N, C-alpha and C. Protein backbone atom coordinates (compact mmCIF):
# COMPACT_ATOMS: atom_id res chain seq x y z
N UNK A 1 36.35 172.72 71.12
CA UNK A 1 35.53 173.90 70.43
C UNK A 1 34.44 173.57 71.85
N UNK A 2 33.92 174.72 72.58
CA UNK A 2 33.85 175.28 74.06
C UNK A 2 32.24 175.60 73.10
N UNK A 3 32.06 176.45 72.21
CA UNK A 3 30.69 177.39 71.48
C UNK A 3 30.71 177.20 70.22
N UNK A 4 29.92 177.17 69.49
CA UNK A 4 29.98 177.07 68.37
C UNK A 4 29.55 179.10 67.63
N UNK A 5 30.61 179.06 66.51
CA UNK A 5 30.43 180.31 65.92
C UNK A 5 29.33 180.19 65.12
N UNK A 6 28.90 181.17 64.45
CA UNK A 6 28.01 181.65 63.96
C UNK A 6 28.15 180.95 62.25
N UNK A 7 29.12 180.88 62.05
CA UNK A 7 30.14 180.52 60.54
C UNK A 7 30.02 179.07 60.60
N UNK A 8 29.76 178.28 61.56
CA UNK A 8 30.27 176.91 61.92
C UNK A 8 29.33 176.13 61.24
N UNK A 9 29.85 174.80 60.37
CA UNK A 9 29.64 173.65 59.92
C UNK A 9 29.82 172.56 60.54
N UNK A 10 28.88 171.88 60.58
CA UNK A 10 29.13 171.04 61.60
C UNK A 10 28.45 169.46 60.35
N UNK A 11 29.29 168.47 60.81
CA UNK A 11 28.92 167.31 60.02
C UNK A 11 28.37 166.14 61.33
N UNK A 12 27.37 165.69 61.00
CA UNK A 12 26.49 164.94 62.39
C UNK A 12 26.16 163.45 61.68
N UNK A 13 26.14 162.53 62.85
CA UNK A 13 25.78 161.18 62.72
C UNK A 13 24.49 161.23 62.96
N UNK A 14 23.78 162.14 63.75
CA UNK A 14 22.15 161.67 64.19
C UNK A 14 21.54 163.02 63.27
N UNK A 15 20.40 163.04 62.79
CA UNK A 15 20.22 164.17 61.74
C UNK A 15 19.33 165.39 62.88
N UNK A 16 19.10 164.98 63.94
CA UNK A 16 18.60 165.63 65.37
C UNK A 16 19.17 166.62 65.90
N UNK A 17 20.86 166.55 65.63
CA UNK A 17 21.60 167.72 65.86
C UNK A 17 21.69 169.19 65.56
N UNK A 18 20.98 169.53 65.32
CA UNK A 18 21.00 170.73 65.42
C UNK A 18 20.87 172.00 66.03
N UNK A 19 21.97 173.33 65.58
CA UNK A 19 22.19 174.18 66.62
C UNK A 19 21.10 175.98 66.07
N UNK A 20 20.87 176.65 66.09
CA UNK A 20 20.29 177.89 65.58
C UNK A 20 22.15 178.51 64.93
N UNK A 21 22.94 178.33 65.53
CA UNK A 21 24.07 179.11 65.48
C UNK A 21 24.92 178.74 64.21
N UNK A 22 24.82 177.32 63.98
CA UNK A 22 25.29 176.46 62.83
C UNK A 22 24.78 175.79 61.85
N UNK A 23 25.40 175.73 60.49
CA UNK A 23 24.63 174.78 59.48
C UNK A 23 24.93 173.08 59.74
N UNK A 24 23.96 172.22 59.99
CA UNK A 24 24.55 171.24 60.55
C UNK A 24 23.64 170.10 59.15
N UNK A 25 24.86 168.95 58.61
CA UNK A 25 24.98 168.86 57.58
C UNK A 25 24.95 166.78 57.74
N UNK A 26 23.99 166.25 57.36
CA UNK A 26 24.43 164.79 57.77
C UNK A 26 25.40 164.55 56.55
N UNK A 27 26.58 163.37 56.81
CA UNK A 27 27.50 163.39 55.82
C UNK A 27 27.82 161.62 56.11
N UNK A 28 28.32 161.35 55.02
CA UNK A 28 28.49 159.64 54.75
C UNK A 28 30.14 159.98 55.74
N UNK A 29 30.75 158.40 55.73
CA UNK A 29 31.75 158.80 56.17
C UNK A 29 33.04 159.32 54.58
N UNK A 30 32.35 158.56 53.75
CA UNK A 30 33.43 159.09 52.39
C UNK A 30 32.86 160.79 52.82
N UNK A 31 32.09 161.24 52.27
CA UNK A 31 31.80 162.34 52.09
C UNK A 31 32.86 163.48 53.15
N UNK A 32 32.56 162.94 54.37
CA UNK A 32 32.72 163.71 55.31
C UNK A 32 34.59 163.41 55.38
N UNK A 33 35.28 162.42 54.97
CA UNK A 33 36.62 162.56 54.80
C UNK A 33 37.29 163.62 54.04
N UNK A 34 36.41 163.52 52.58
CA UNK A 34 36.40 164.72 51.38
C UNK A 34 36.59 166.13 52.28
N UNK A 35 35.35 166.20 52.96
CA UNK A 35 34.78 167.84 53.29
C UNK A 35 35.95 168.32 54.58
N UNK A 36 36.16 167.43 54.92
CA UNK A 36 37.46 167.73 56.12
C UNK A 36 38.75 167.87 55.41
N UNK A 37 39.22 166.92 53.95
CA UNK A 37 40.39 167.54 53.30
C UNK A 37 40.29 168.84 53.01
N UNK A 38 39.02 168.67 52.72
CA UNK A 38 38.57 170.23 51.51
C UNK A 38 38.59 171.50 52.62
N UNK A 39 38.57 171.22 54.10
CA UNK A 39 38.75 172.19 55.08
C UNK A 39 36.77 173.07 54.43
N UNK A 40 35.99 172.26 54.37
CA UNK A 40 34.51 172.82 54.13
C UNK A 40 33.66 172.26 55.06
N UNK A 41 34.48 171.54 56.04
CA UNK A 41 33.45 171.56 57.61
C UNK A 41 34.34 171.80 58.65
N UNK A 42 34.13 172.03 59.68
CA UNK A 42 34.47 173.11 60.39
C UNK A 42 34.75 171.71 62.18
N UNK A 43 33.58 171.18 62.02
CA UNK A 43 33.31 169.90 63.34
C UNK A 43 32.88 169.21 62.73
N UNK A 44 32.96 167.76 63.52
CA UNK A 44 32.19 166.58 63.28
C UNK A 44 31.70 165.90 64.64
N UNK A 45 31.16 165.48 64.65
CA UNK A 45 31.05 164.77 66.29
C UNK A 45 31.46 162.79 66.18
N UNK A 46 31.88 162.58 66.96
CA UNK A 46 32.45 160.71 67.08
C UNK A 46 33.03 161.17 67.91
N UNK A 47 32.93 159.64 68.29
CA UNK A 47 33.52 158.97 69.65
C UNK A 47 34.95 159.25 69.14
N UNK A 48 36.28 159.30 70.00
CA UNK A 48 37.31 158.95 69.35
C UNK A 48 38.08 158.38 68.49
N UNK A 49 37.43 157.36 69.17
CA UNK A 49 38.20 155.63 68.49
C UNK A 49 37.77 155.92 66.71
N UNK A 50 36.33 156.32 66.70
CA UNK A 50 36.20 156.65 64.98
C UNK A 50 36.79 157.97 64.53
N UNK A 51 37.24 158.67 65.47
CA UNK A 51 37.95 159.71 65.12
C UNK A 51 39.19 159.59 64.76
N UNK A 52 39.70 158.56 65.18
CA UNK A 52 41.19 158.01 64.56
C UNK A 52 40.85 156.91 63.24
N UNK A 53 39.78 155.97 63.63
CA UNK A 53 39.09 155.10 63.01
C UNK A 53 39.14 155.97 61.31
N UNK A 54 38.73 156.62 61.26
CA UNK A 54 38.37 157.63 59.65
C UNK A 54 39.50 158.67 59.65
N UNK A 55 40.40 158.61 60.31
CA UNK A 55 41.83 159.42 60.04
C UNK A 55 41.40 161.05 60.45
N UNK A 56 40.42 161.54 60.74
CA UNK A 56 39.69 162.61 60.77
C UNK A 56 40.76 163.56 61.97
N UNK A 57 41.32 163.09 62.65
CA UNK A 57 42.28 163.71 63.55
C UNK A 57 43.75 163.89 62.94
N UNK A 58 43.97 163.71 61.52
CA UNK A 58 45.14 164.09 60.91
C UNK A 58 44.65 165.21 60.36
N UNK A 59 43.43 165.84 60.36
CA UNK A 59 42.88 166.95 59.72
C UNK A 59 42.24 168.07 60.65
N UNK A 60 41.56 167.40 61.63
CA UNK A 60 41.06 168.36 62.72
C UNK A 60 42.01 168.63 63.65
N UNK A 61 42.67 169.69 64.16
CA UNK A 61 43.06 169.75 65.38
C UNK A 61 42.63 169.75 66.45
N UNK A 62 41.37 170.15 66.85
CA UNK A 62 40.95 170.56 67.96
C UNK A 62 39.60 169.64 68.15
N UNK A 63 39.71 169.10 69.30
CA UNK A 63 38.73 168.09 69.47
C UNK A 63 37.92 167.96 70.90
N UNK A 64 36.78 167.79 71.48
CA UNK A 64 35.95 168.44 72.78
C UNK A 64 35.28 167.24 73.43
N UNK A 65 35.71 167.15 74.15
CA UNK A 65 35.35 166.03 75.62
C UNK A 65 33.67 166.12 75.67
N UNK A 66 33.06 166.07 75.05
CA UNK A 66 31.26 166.18 75.43
C UNK A 66 30.50 164.88 76.39
N UNK A 67 30.86 163.82 76.43
CA UNK A 67 30.46 162.86 76.78
C UNK A 67 28.96 162.35 76.06
N UNK A 68 28.52 163.15 74.80
CA UNK A 68 27.08 162.65 74.80
C UNK A 68 26.87 161.27 73.93
N UNK A 69 28.00 160.85 73.77
CA UNK A 69 28.09 159.82 72.98
C UNK A 69 28.28 158.49 73.40
N UNK A 70 27.23 157.09 73.15
CA UNK A 70 27.27 156.10 73.67
C UNK A 70 27.41 155.37 72.27
N UNK A 71 28.46 154.46 72.40
CA UNK A 71 28.35 153.40 70.65
C UNK A 71 27.82 152.10 71.62
N UNK A 72 26.77 151.61 70.85
CA UNK A 72 26.95 150.21 71.38
C UNK A 72 26.26 149.63 70.73
N UNK A 73 26.79 148.13 71.05
CA UNK A 73 26.79 146.69 70.17
C UNK A 73 25.79 146.03 70.29
N UNK A 74 24.74 146.34 69.68
CA UNK A 74 23.70 145.06 69.77
C UNK A 74 23.94 143.59 69.78
N UNK A 75 23.36 142.63 70.27
CA UNK A 75 23.03 141.00 70.20
C UNK A 75 21.99 141.36 70.04
N UNK A 76 21.78 140.10 69.03
CA UNK A 76 20.19 139.87 68.46
C UNK A 76 19.91 138.53 68.38
N UNK A 77 19.17 137.94 69.10
CA UNK A 77 17.97 136.70 69.09
C UNK A 77 16.67 136.39 68.64
N UNK A 78 17.00 135.33 68.09
CA UNK A 78 15.67 135.23 67.70
C UNK A 78 14.61 134.99 68.81
N UNK A 79 13.30 135.66 69.50
CA UNK A 79 12.93 135.17 70.39
C UNK A 79 12.59 134.05 70.32
N UNK A 80 11.42 133.61 69.26
CA UNK A 80 10.68 132.40 69.40
C UNK A 80 11.55 131.14 69.20
N UNK A 81 12.96 130.92 68.50
CA UNK A 81 13.91 130.24 68.59
C UNK A 81 14.32 130.42 70.51
N UNK A 82 14.94 131.17 70.98
CA UNK A 82 15.34 131.42 72.32
C UNK A 82 14.40 130.89 73.25
N UNK A 83 12.59 131.42 73.01
CA UNK A 83 12.11 130.78 73.61
C UNK A 83 11.65 128.89 73.68
N UNK A 84 12.27 128.26 72.92
CA UNK A 84 11.92 127.19 72.72
C UNK A 84 13.27 126.41 73.15
N UNK A 85 14.28 127.08 73.25
CA UNK A 85 14.82 126.43 74.41
C UNK A 85 14.84 125.94 75.63
N UNK A 86 16.07 124.99 76.07
CA UNK A 86 15.97 124.24 77.39
C UNK A 86 16.51 125.51 78.24
N UNK A 87 15.73 125.40 79.16
CA UNK A 87 16.16 126.84 80.39
C UNK A 87 17.39 126.80 80.45
N UNK A 88 18.43 125.67 80.72
CA UNK A 88 19.11 125.97 81.28
C UNK A 88 20.56 126.13 80.00
N UNK A 89 20.01 126.33 79.13
CA UNK A 89 20.40 127.11 77.63
C UNK A 89 20.41 128.53 77.34
N UNK A 90 18.97 128.91 77.79
CA UNK A 90 18.52 129.92 77.75
C UNK A 90 19.30 130.53 78.86
N UNK A 91 19.65 129.84 80.28
CA UNK A 91 20.53 130.55 81.50
C UNK A 91 21.57 131.07 80.79
N UNK A 92 22.17 130.15 80.43
CA UNK A 92 23.37 129.84 79.52
C UNK A 92 23.73 131.21 78.75
N UNK A 93 23.31 131.74 77.77
CA UNK A 93 23.05 132.55 76.86
C UNK A 93 22.85 133.66 77.49
N UNK A 94 21.84 133.78 78.45
CA UNK A 94 21.83 135.31 79.44
C UNK A 94 23.41 135.62 79.80
N UNK A 95 23.66 134.91 80.70
CA UNK A 95 25.29 134.64 81.16
C UNK A 95 26.19 135.24 80.33
N UNK A 96 26.28 134.51 79.27
CA UNK A 96 27.41 134.61 77.82
C UNK A 96 26.83 136.43 77.45
N UNK A 97 25.53 136.61 77.07
CA UNK A 97 25.63 137.88 76.77
C UNK A 97 25.87 139.06 77.97
N UNK A 98 25.73 138.84 79.12
CA UNK A 98 25.87 139.78 80.53
C UNK A 98 27.26 139.80 80.29
N UNK A 99 28.03 139.05 80.04
CA UNK A 99 29.66 139.02 80.22
C UNK A 99 29.85 139.31 78.80
N UNK A 100 29.70 139.31 78.11
CA UNK A 100 29.96 140.36 76.91
C UNK A 100 30.04 141.63 76.51
N UNK A 101 28.80 142.00 77.19
CA UNK A 101 28.52 143.37 77.26
C UNK A 101 29.34 143.74 78.47
N UNK A 102 30.04 143.28 79.41
CA UNK A 102 30.95 144.15 80.28
C UNK A 102 32.54 143.95 79.65
N UNK A 103 32.30 142.73 78.88
CA UNK A 103 33.95 142.66 78.14
C UNK A 103 34.06 143.87 77.19
N UNK A 104 32.96 144.23 76.72
CA UNK A 104 32.90 144.79 75.48
C UNK A 104 33.13 146.19 75.69
N UNK A 105 32.00 146.74 76.92
CA UNK A 105 32.67 147.78 77.98
C UNK A 105 33.86 148.28 77.72
N UNK A 106 34.73 147.12 78.38
CA UNK A 106 36.32 147.39 79.18
C UNK A 106 36.62 147.71 77.70
N UNK A 107 36.16 147.13 76.84
CA UNK A 107 37.52 147.62 75.67
C UNK A 107 37.09 148.42 74.97
N UNK A 108 35.63 149.25 75.19
CA UNK A 108 35.81 150.25 74.73
C UNK A 108 36.44 151.26 75.59
N UNK A 109 36.28 151.23 76.62
CA UNK A 109 37.44 152.32 77.37
C UNK A 109 38.95 152.10 77.31
N UNK A 110 39.14 150.83 77.04
CA UNK A 110 40.87 150.66 76.63
C UNK A 110 40.75 151.48 75.21
N UNK A 111 39.96 151.14 73.87
CA UNK A 111 39.83 151.83 72.72
C UNK A 111 39.96 153.08 72.67
N UNK A 112 39.05 154.07 73.81
CA UNK A 112 39.11 155.30 74.11
C UNK A 112 40.50 155.93 74.56
N UNK A 113 40.97 155.17 75.46
CA UNK A 113 42.01 155.31 75.84
C UNK A 113 43.25 155.81 75.05
N UNK A 114 43.63 154.81 74.13
CA UNK A 114 44.51 154.61 72.77
C UNK A 114 44.20 155.64 71.96
N UNK A 115 42.79 155.59 71.68
CA UNK A 115 42.19 156.64 70.36
C UNK A 115 42.32 158.28 70.82
N UNK A 116 42.43 158.42 72.41
CA UNK A 116 42.79 159.56 72.67
C UNK A 116 44.55 160.06 72.87
N UNK A 117 44.69 159.06 73.21
CA UNK A 117 46.86 158.84 73.34
C UNK A 117 47.08 159.67 71.37
N UNK A 118 46.62 158.40 70.53
CA UNK A 118 46.30 158.55 69.43
C UNK A 118 46.64 159.92 68.74
N UNK A 119 45.23 160.56 69.32
CA UNK A 119 45.09 162.14 69.29
C UNK A 119 45.75 163.29 69.66
N UNK A 120 45.94 163.15 70.55
CA UNK A 120 47.43 164.10 71.65
C UNK A 120 48.49 163.84 70.88
N UNK A 121 48.74 162.42 70.41
CA UNK A 121 50.49 162.10 70.08
C UNK A 121 49.98 162.87 68.56
N UNK A 122 49.29 162.69 68.01
CA UNK A 122 49.28 163.88 66.62
C UNK A 122 49.32 165.43 66.67
N UNK A 123 49.49 165.98 68.05
CA UNK A 123 49.76 167.23 68.14
C UNK A 123 48.41 167.75 68.37
N UNK A 124 46.96 166.99 68.28
CA UNK A 124 45.56 167.81 68.58
C UNK A 124 45.69 168.66 69.97
N UNK A 125 44.77 169.29 69.95
CA UNK A 125 43.94 169.97 71.07
C UNK A 125 42.86 169.14 71.80
N UNK A 126 42.68 168.57 73.16
CA UNK A 126 41.90 168.11 73.30
C UNK A 126 40.62 168.80 74.50
N UNK A 127 40.09 169.32 74.14
CA UNK A 127 39.10 170.64 75.07
C UNK A 127 38.12 169.64 75.77
N UNK A 128 38.53 169.75 77.69
CA UNK A 128 37.60 169.71 78.53
C UNK A 128 36.44 170.24 78.99
N UNK A 129 34.98 169.73 78.78
CA UNK A 129 34.06 170.98 79.16
C UNK A 129 34.25 171.34 80.88
N UNK A 130 34.05 172.77 81.22
CA UNK A 130 33.97 172.92 82.79
C UNK A 130 32.80 172.37 82.95
N UNK A 131 31.96 172.74 84.35
CA UNK A 131 30.82 172.00 84.21
C UNK A 131 29.69 173.07 83.80
N UNK A 132 29.91 174.33 83.64
CA UNK A 132 29.14 175.22 82.81
C UNK A 132 28.87 175.08 81.68
N UNK A 133 29.87 174.96 80.69
CA UNK A 133 30.00 174.34 79.34
C UNK A 133 29.31 172.80 79.05
N UNK A 134 29.37 172.12 80.03
CA UNK A 134 28.62 170.74 80.05
C UNK A 134 27.53 171.17 79.98
N UNK A 135 27.04 171.97 81.00
CA UNK A 135 25.73 172.25 81.30
C UNK A 135 24.40 173.17 79.88
N UNK A 136 25.48 173.54 79.02
CA UNK A 136 25.14 174.50 78.23
C UNK A 136 25.05 173.28 77.44
N UNK A 137 25.69 172.52 76.59
CA UNK A 137 25.65 171.30 75.91
C UNK A 137 24.52 170.87 76.15
N UNK A 138 24.55 169.93 77.40
CA UNK A 138 23.38 169.48 77.73
C UNK A 138 21.88 170.00 77.42
N UNK A 139 21.73 171.19 77.52
CA UNK A 139 20.81 171.95 77.46
C UNK A 139 20.46 172.16 76.10
N UNK A 140 21.46 172.53 74.90
CA UNK A 140 21.62 172.42 73.92
C UNK A 140 20.79 171.06 73.39
N UNK A 141 21.18 170.15 73.65
CA UNK A 141 20.85 168.96 73.45
C UNK A 141 19.50 168.14 73.82
N UNK A 142 18.94 169.33 74.76
CA UNK A 142 17.84 168.61 75.30
C UNK A 142 16.35 168.52 74.57
N UNK A 143 16.30 169.09 73.71
CA UNK A 143 15.55 168.39 72.69
C UNK A 143 15.62 167.78 72.05
N UNK A 144 16.79 166.94 71.66
CA UNK A 144 17.13 165.54 71.19
C UNK A 144 16.79 164.74 71.68
N UNK A 145 17.10 164.81 73.54
CA UNK A 145 16.50 163.74 74.31
C UNK A 145 15.07 163.44 74.52
N UNK A 146 14.35 164.54 74.53
CA UNK A 146 12.97 164.17 74.69
C UNK A 146 12.20 163.73 73.46
N UNK A 147 13.03 164.33 71.91
CA UNK A 147 12.77 163.64 70.73
C UNK A 147 12.67 162.18 71.01
N UNK A 148 13.91 161.83 71.44
CA UNK A 148 14.40 160.15 70.90
C UNK A 148 13.50 160.22 72.25
N UNK A 149 12.97 160.46 73.66
CA UNK A 149 12.16 159.26 74.39
C UNK A 149 10.74 159.18 73.66
N UNK A 150 10.71 160.49 73.09
CA UNK A 150 8.89 160.26 72.33
C UNK A 150 9.07 159.65 71.16
N UNK A 151 10.20 159.08 70.48
CA UNK A 151 10.00 157.91 69.76
C UNK A 151 10.74 156.51 70.05
N UNK A 152 11.14 156.47 70.92
CA UNK A 152 11.98 155.09 71.25
C UNK A 152 10.84 154.73 73.05
N UNK A 153 10.31 155.89 73.23
CA UNK A 153 9.73 155.36 74.44
C UNK A 153 10.21 155.67 75.70
N UNK A 154 10.29 155.90 77.11
CA UNK A 154 10.85 155.87 78.45
C UNK A 154 11.73 154.71 78.77
N UNK A 155 10.98 154.02 78.47
CA UNK A 155 11.73 152.39 79.72
C UNK A 155 13.51 152.32 79.11
N UNK A 156 13.71 152.67 77.81
CA UNK A 156 14.93 152.42 77.27
C UNK A 156 16.04 153.77 78.56
N UNK A 157 15.39 155.04 78.29
CA UNK A 157 16.11 155.89 79.18
C UNK A 157 16.06 155.75 80.47
N UNK A 158 15.21 155.08 81.36
CA UNK A 158 15.16 154.41 82.71
C UNK A 158 16.55 153.79 82.74
N UNK A 159 16.62 152.86 82.07
CA UNK A 159 17.62 151.96 82.20
C UNK A 159 19.11 152.64 82.22
N UNK A 160 19.25 153.90 81.83
CA UNK A 160 20.50 154.54 81.59
C UNK A 160 21.28 155.37 82.84
N UNK A 161 22.67 155.18 83.94
CA UNK A 161 22.35 155.82 84.67
C UNK A 161 22.31 157.52 84.23
N UNK A 162 22.36 157.88 85.19
CA UNK A 162 22.33 159.81 84.96
C UNK A 162 23.82 160.19 84.98
N UNK A 163 23.93 161.07 84.01
CA UNK A 163 24.94 161.77 83.74
C UNK A 163 25.29 162.54 84.31
């Protein structure tokens, strides 16, 4: 999908993803699959791995690489407990977390490559946006970034590399 036609019906993961020329519908994964099977939804946004896991690539022939999606895997610790640990244990935990983040990112890249291959093997087409198309996409979702910065604060966004 390089642009959205007026009658396009989108499935969205994040309620803020809205375009003037489309109808955006928050959907559960079960309802998404049913609507895709019934052809009552034209597009959905997901990383390739989710698209393959949910089997959507069996029904949607066209896919677009927008590079807008980042799937995080949070690591949670109880701060009071962590702060009570000896310094060497805290440092070991910090090192383990750093190593696990790097490992998970490598796995995510491998999973993306394998999922893309599965989509292509199914006979689907994957469109790559050129610079102008990517800018148009970025411009369209800019209000979402602004809303997220207002909601979550700028510190998180300053840790992300520029795209």
